[in-house]
Amino acid sequence: MIRIMLSTRLGERRMTQSELARATGIRSQTINEMYHDFSDRVNLDDLDLICEALDCTLSDLLIYEPNEVRRVKEVRRIPKTVSNNRKK
């Protein structure tokens, strides 16, 4: 699962959701959904603005935590068709 760490980053900066909304032009409701980690989808431009405003990187804002139950059942592997040792 992908987690949005906006509440942590705002706390570190001693910045409110309203201040971030004003600084970035992102709707307060959108900021609030990210803050509480309720967002299902996130606009890449919004993430760019937030990273700029908070002087952080995307990896400071988003983290990956493995799911308790795998949701992907099978991944098709692409077979190696050409060997490095093979000569023509």
N, C-alpha and C. Protein backbone atom coordinates (compact mmCIF):
# COMPACT_ATOMS: atom_id res chain seq x y z
N MET A 1 0.84 -1.17 0.00
CA MET A 1 0.00 0.00 0.00
C MET A 1 0.89 1.23 0.00
N ILE A 2 0.43 2.25 -0.64
CA ILE A 2 1.14 3.52 -0.68
C ILE A 2 0.53 4.43 0.39
N ARG A 3 1.37 4.99 1.24
CA ARG A 3 0.89 5.89 2.28
C ARG A 3 1.40 7.29 2.01
N ILE A 4 0.52 8.26 2.25
CA ILE A 4 0.87 9.68 2.09
C ILE A 4 1.24 10.21 3.47
N MET A 5 2.44 10.72 3.60
CA MET A 5 2.97 11.17 4.89
C MET A 5 2.84 12.70 5.05
N LEU A 6 1.78 13.27 4.49
CA LEU A 6 1.63 14.72 4.54
C LEU A 6 1.50 15.23 5.97
N SER A 7 0.78 14.53 6.82
CA SER A 7 0.61 15.00 8.21
C SER A 7 1.97 15.09 8.91
N THR A 8 2.82 14.12 8.67
CA THR A 8 4.16 14.12 9.27
C THR A 8 4.99 15.29 8.75
N ARG A 9 4.97 15.47 7.44
CA ARG A 9 5.77 16.55 6.83
C ARG A 9 5.28 17.93 7.27
N LEU A 10 3.96 18.11 7.35
CA LEU A 10 3.44 19.41 7.81
C LEU A 10 3.82 19.64 9.27
N GLY A 11 3.77 18.60 10.08
CA GLY A 11 4.16 18.72 11.49
C GLY A 11 5.62 19.12 11.63
N GLU A 12 6.47 18.51 10.82
CA GLU A 12 7.90 18.85 10.86
C GLU A 12 8.14 20.31 10.50
N ARG A 13 7.32 20.83 9.61
CA ARG A 13 7.48 22.22 9.13
C ARG A 13 6.67 23.21 9.97
N ARG A 14 5.90 22.68 10.93
CA ARG A 14 5.01 23.53 11.74
C ARG A 14 4.09 24.36 10.83
N MET A 15 3.51 23.66 9.84
CA MET A 15 2.67 24.31 8.84
C MET A 15 1.27 23.70 8.91
N THR A 16 0.25 24.52 8.74
CA THR A 16 -1.13 24.02 8.76
C THR A 16 -1.56 23.60 7.36
N GLN A 17 -2.64 22.84 7.32
CA GLN A 17 -3.23 22.46 6.04
C GLN A 17 -3.65 23.71 5.25
N SER A 18 -4.23 24.67 5.94
CA SER A 18 -4.68 25.90 5.29
C SER A 18 -3.52 26.68 4.68
N GLU A 19 -2.41 26.74 5.41
CA GLU A 19 -1.23 27.44 4.89
C GLU A 19 -0.70 26.74 3.63
N LEU A 20 -0.69 25.42 3.65
CA LEU A 20 -0.24 24.67 2.48
C LEU A 20 -1.18 24.89 1.30
N ALA A 21 -2.48 24.90 1.56
CA ALA A 21 -3.47 25.13 0.50
C ALA A 21 -3.27 26.51 -0.12
N ARG A 22 -3.07 27.51 0.72
CA ARG A 22 -2.84 28.87 0.20
C ARG A 22 -1.54 28.97 -0.60
N ALA A 23 -0.49 28.32 -0.10
CA ALA A 23 0.82 28.40 -0.76
C ALA A 23 0.82 27.69 -2.11
N THR A 24 0.07 26.60 -2.23
CA THR A 24 0.11 25.79 -3.44
C THR A 24 -1.05 26.05 -4.40
N GLY A 25 -2.16 26.59 -3.88
CA GLY A 25 -3.35 26.75 -4.71
C GLY A 25 -4.17 25.47 -4.82
N ILE A 26 -3.80 24.46 -4.05
CA ILE A 26 -4.55 23.19 -4.04
C ILE A 26 -5.75 23.35 -3.12
N ARG A 27 -6.90 22.80 -3.52
CA ARG A 27 -8.11 22.91 -2.70
C ARG A 27 -7.86 22.37 -1.29
N SER A 28 -8.45 23.04 -0.31
CA SER A 28 -8.31 22.62 1.10
C SER A 28 -8.80 21.19 1.30
N GLN A 29 -9.89 20.82 0.64
CA GLN A 29 -10.44 19.47 0.77
C GLN A 29 -9.45 18.41 0.25
N THR A 30 -8.76 18.73 -0.84
CA THR A 30 -7.76 17.82 -1.39
C THR A 30 -6.60 17.65 -0.41
N ILE A 31 -6.14 18.75 0.15
CA ILE A 31 -5.07 18.71 1.16
C ILE A 31 -5.52 17.87 2.36
N ASN A 32 -6.75 18.08 2.81
CA ASN A 32 -7.28 17.36 3.96
C ASN A 32 -7.34 15.86 3.69
N GLU A 33 -7.76 15.46 2.50
CA GLU A 33 -7.82 14.03 2.16
C GLU A 33 -6.42 13.41 2.16
N MET A 34 -5.44 14.15 1.64
CA MET A 34 -4.06 13.64 1.66
C MET A 34 -3.54 13.60 3.09
N TYR A 35 -3.84 14.62 3.87
CA TYR A 35 -3.38 14.72 5.25
C TYR A 35 -3.82 13.50 6.07
N HIS A 36 -5.07 13.11 5.87
CA HIS A 36 -5.64 11.98 6.62
C HIS A 36 -5.45 10.64 5.89
N ASP A 37 -4.69 10.66 4.79
CA ASP A 37 -4.38 9.46 4.01
C ASP A 37 -5.64 8.77 3.51
N PHE A 38 -6.63 9.57 3.04
CA PHE A 38 -7.88 9.05 2.50
C PHE A 38 -7.88 9.03 0.98
N SER A 39 -6.89 9.61 0.33
CA SER A 39 -6.89 9.76 -1.12
C SER A 39 -6.70 8.42 -1.83
N ASP A 40 -7.55 8.17 -2.82
CA ASP A 40 -7.38 7.00 -3.68
C ASP A 40 -6.52 7.35 -4.89
N ARG A 41 -6.64 8.60 -5.33
CA ARG A 41 -5.87 9.08 -6.48
C ARG A 41 -5.25 10.42 -6.12
N VAL A 42 -4.06 10.64 -6.65
CA VAL A 42 -3.37 11.89 -6.36
C VAL A 42 -2.86 12.47 -7.67
N ASN A 43 -3.08 13.76 -7.84
CA ASN A 43 -2.62 14.46 -9.03
C ASN A 43 -1.11 14.68 -8.93
N LEU A 44 -0.39 14.34 -9.99
CA LEU A 44 1.06 14.48 -9.97
C LEU A 44 1.50 15.93 -9.83
N ASP A 45 0.75 16.85 -10.42
CA ASP A 45 1.08 18.27 -10.29
C ASP A 45 0.90 18.73 -8.84
N ASP A 46 -0.13 18.20 -8.17
CA ASP A 46 -0.33 18.52 -6.75
C ASP A 46 0.86 18.04 -5.92
N LEU A 47 1.33 16.81 -6.20
CA LEU A 47 2.49 16.29 -5.47
C LEU A 47 3.72 17.16 -5.72
N ASP A 48 3.89 17.61 -6.96
CA ASP A 48 5.01 18.47 -7.30
C ASP A 48 4.95 19.78 -6.52
N LEU A 49 3.77 20.38 -6.46
CA LEU A 49 3.59 21.63 -5.72
C LEU A 49 3.85 21.44 -4.23
N ILE A 50 3.36 20.34 -3.68
CA ILE A 50 3.54 20.07 -2.25
C ILE A 50 5.03 19.86 -1.94
N CYS A 51 5.71 19.09 -2.77
CA CYS A 51 7.15 18.87 -2.56
C CYS A 51 7.91 20.19 -2.63
N GLU A 52 7.52 21.05 -3.55
CA GLU A 52 8.18 22.36 -3.66
C GLU A 52 7.91 23.21 -2.42
N ALA A 53 6.65 23.24 -1.98
CA ALA A 53 6.28 24.06 -0.82
C ALA A 53 6.93 23.56 0.46
N LEU A 54 7.06 22.24 0.59
CA LEU A 54 7.62 21.67 1.82
C LEU A 54 9.12 21.39 1.71
N ASP A 55 9.69 21.72 0.56
CA ASP A 55 11.12 21.50 0.31
C ASP A 55 11.50 20.06 0.63
N CYS A 56 10.75 19.13 0.01
CA CYS A 56 11.01 17.71 0.23
C CYS A 56 10.97 16.98 -1.11
N THR A 57 11.32 15.71 -1.07
CA THR A 57 11.25 14.89 -2.27
C THR A 57 10.00 14.03 -2.21
N LEU A 58 9.68 13.41 -3.33
CA LEU A 58 8.52 12.53 -3.39
C LEU A 58 8.67 11.36 -2.42
N SER A 59 9.89 10.87 -2.27
CA SER A 59 10.12 9.76 -1.34
C SER A 59 9.97 10.19 0.13
N ASP A 60 10.02 11.50 0.39
CA ASP A 60 9.75 12.00 1.74
C ASP A 60 8.25 12.05 2.00
N LEU A 61 7.48 12.13 0.93
CA LEU A 61 6.04 12.33 1.03
C LEU A 61 5.24 11.04 0.90
N LEU A 62 5.73 10.11 0.09
CA LEU A 62 5.04 8.84 -0.15
C LEU A 62 5.92 7.69 0.30
N ILE A 63 5.31 6.70 0.96
CA ILE A 63 6.05 5.50 1.32
C ILE A 63 5.26 4.28 0.88
N TYR A 64 5.99 3.20 0.61
CA TYR A 64 5.37 1.93 0.24
C TYR A 64 5.47 0.97 1.41
N GLU A 65 4.33 0.39 1.77
CA GLU A 65 4.29 -0.65 2.79
C GLU A 65 3.65 -1.87 2.14
N PRO A 66 4.29 -3.03 2.20
CA PRO A 66 3.70 -4.22 1.58
C PRO A 66 2.32 -4.53 2.15
N ASN A 67 1.42 -4.98 1.30
CA ASN A 67 0.08 -5.36 1.73
C ASN A 67 0.13 -6.66 2.53
N GLU A 68 -0.76 -6.80 3.49
CA GLU A 68 -0.81 -8.03 4.28
C GLU A 68 -1.18 -9.23 3.40
N VAL A 69 -2.09 -9.01 2.48
CA VAL A 69 -2.51 -10.05 1.55
C VAL A 69 -2.16 -9.59 0.15
N ARG A 70 -1.43 -10.42 -0.60
CA ARG A 70 -1.06 -10.07 -1.97
C ARG A 70 -2.31 -9.92 -2.82
N ARG A 71 -2.36 -8.83 -3.58
CA ARG A 71 -3.50 -8.60 -4.47
C ARG A 71 -3.20 -9.05 -5.89
N VAL A 72 -1.93 -9.17 -6.23
CA VAL A 72 -1.54 -9.64 -7.55
C VAL A 72 -1.24 -11.13 -7.43
N LYS A 73 -1.99 -11.93 -8.15
CA LYS A 73 -1.86 -13.38 -8.01
C LYS A 73 -0.68 -13.95 -8.79
N GLU A 74 -0.48 -13.48 -10.00
CA GLU A 74 0.57 -14.06 -10.83
C GLU A 74 1.13 -12.99 -11.75
N VAL A 75 2.43 -13.00 -11.89
CA VAL A 75 3.10 -12.07 -12.81
C VAL A 75 3.76 -12.91 -13.88
N ARG A 76 3.45 -12.58 -15.12
CA ARG A 76 4.04 -13.31 -16.23
C ARG A 76 5.49 -12.86 -16.40
N ARG A 77 6.38 -13.79 -16.39
CA ARG A 77 7.79 -13.50 -16.56
C ARG A 77 8.14 -13.58 -18.05
N ILE A 78 8.94 -12.65 -18.50
CA ILE A 78 9.39 -12.65 -19.88
C ILE A 78 10.62 -13.55 -19.97
N PRO A 79 10.55 -14.59 -20.80
CA PRO A 79 11.70 -15.50 -20.87
C PRO A 79 12.89 -14.86 -21.56
N LYS A 80 14.06 -15.28 -21.14
CA LYS A 80 15.27 -14.81 -21.80
C LYS A 80 15.39 -15.58 -23.11
N THR A 81 15.43 -14.85 -24.21
CA THR A 81 15.49 -15.52 -25.52
C THR A 81 16.88 -15.52 -26.10
N VAL A 82 17.73 -14.64 -25.63
CA VAL A 82 19.09 -14.55 -26.17
C VAL A 82 20.07 -14.71 -25.01
N SER A 83 20.96 -15.65 -25.14
CA SER A 83 21.97 -15.88 -24.11
C SER A 83 23.17 -14.99 -24.39
N ASN A 84 23.80 -14.49 -23.36
CA ASN A 84 25.00 -13.67 -23.52
C ASN A 84 26.17 -14.48 -24.08
N ASN A 85 26.18 -15.79 -23.82
CA ASN A 85 27.28 -16.64 -24.28
C ASN A 85 27.07 -17.14 -25.70
N ARG A 86 25.94 -16.92 -26.23
CA ARG A 86 25.60 -17.43 -27.56
C ARG A 86 26.32 -16.66 -28.66
N LYS A 87 26.90 -17.37 -29.61
CA LYS A 87 27.60 -16.72 -30.73
C LYS A 87 26.79 -16.91 -31.99
N LYS A 88 26.90 -15.93 -32.86
CA LYS A 88 26.18 -16.04 -34.14
C LYS A 88 27.04 -16.64 -35.19
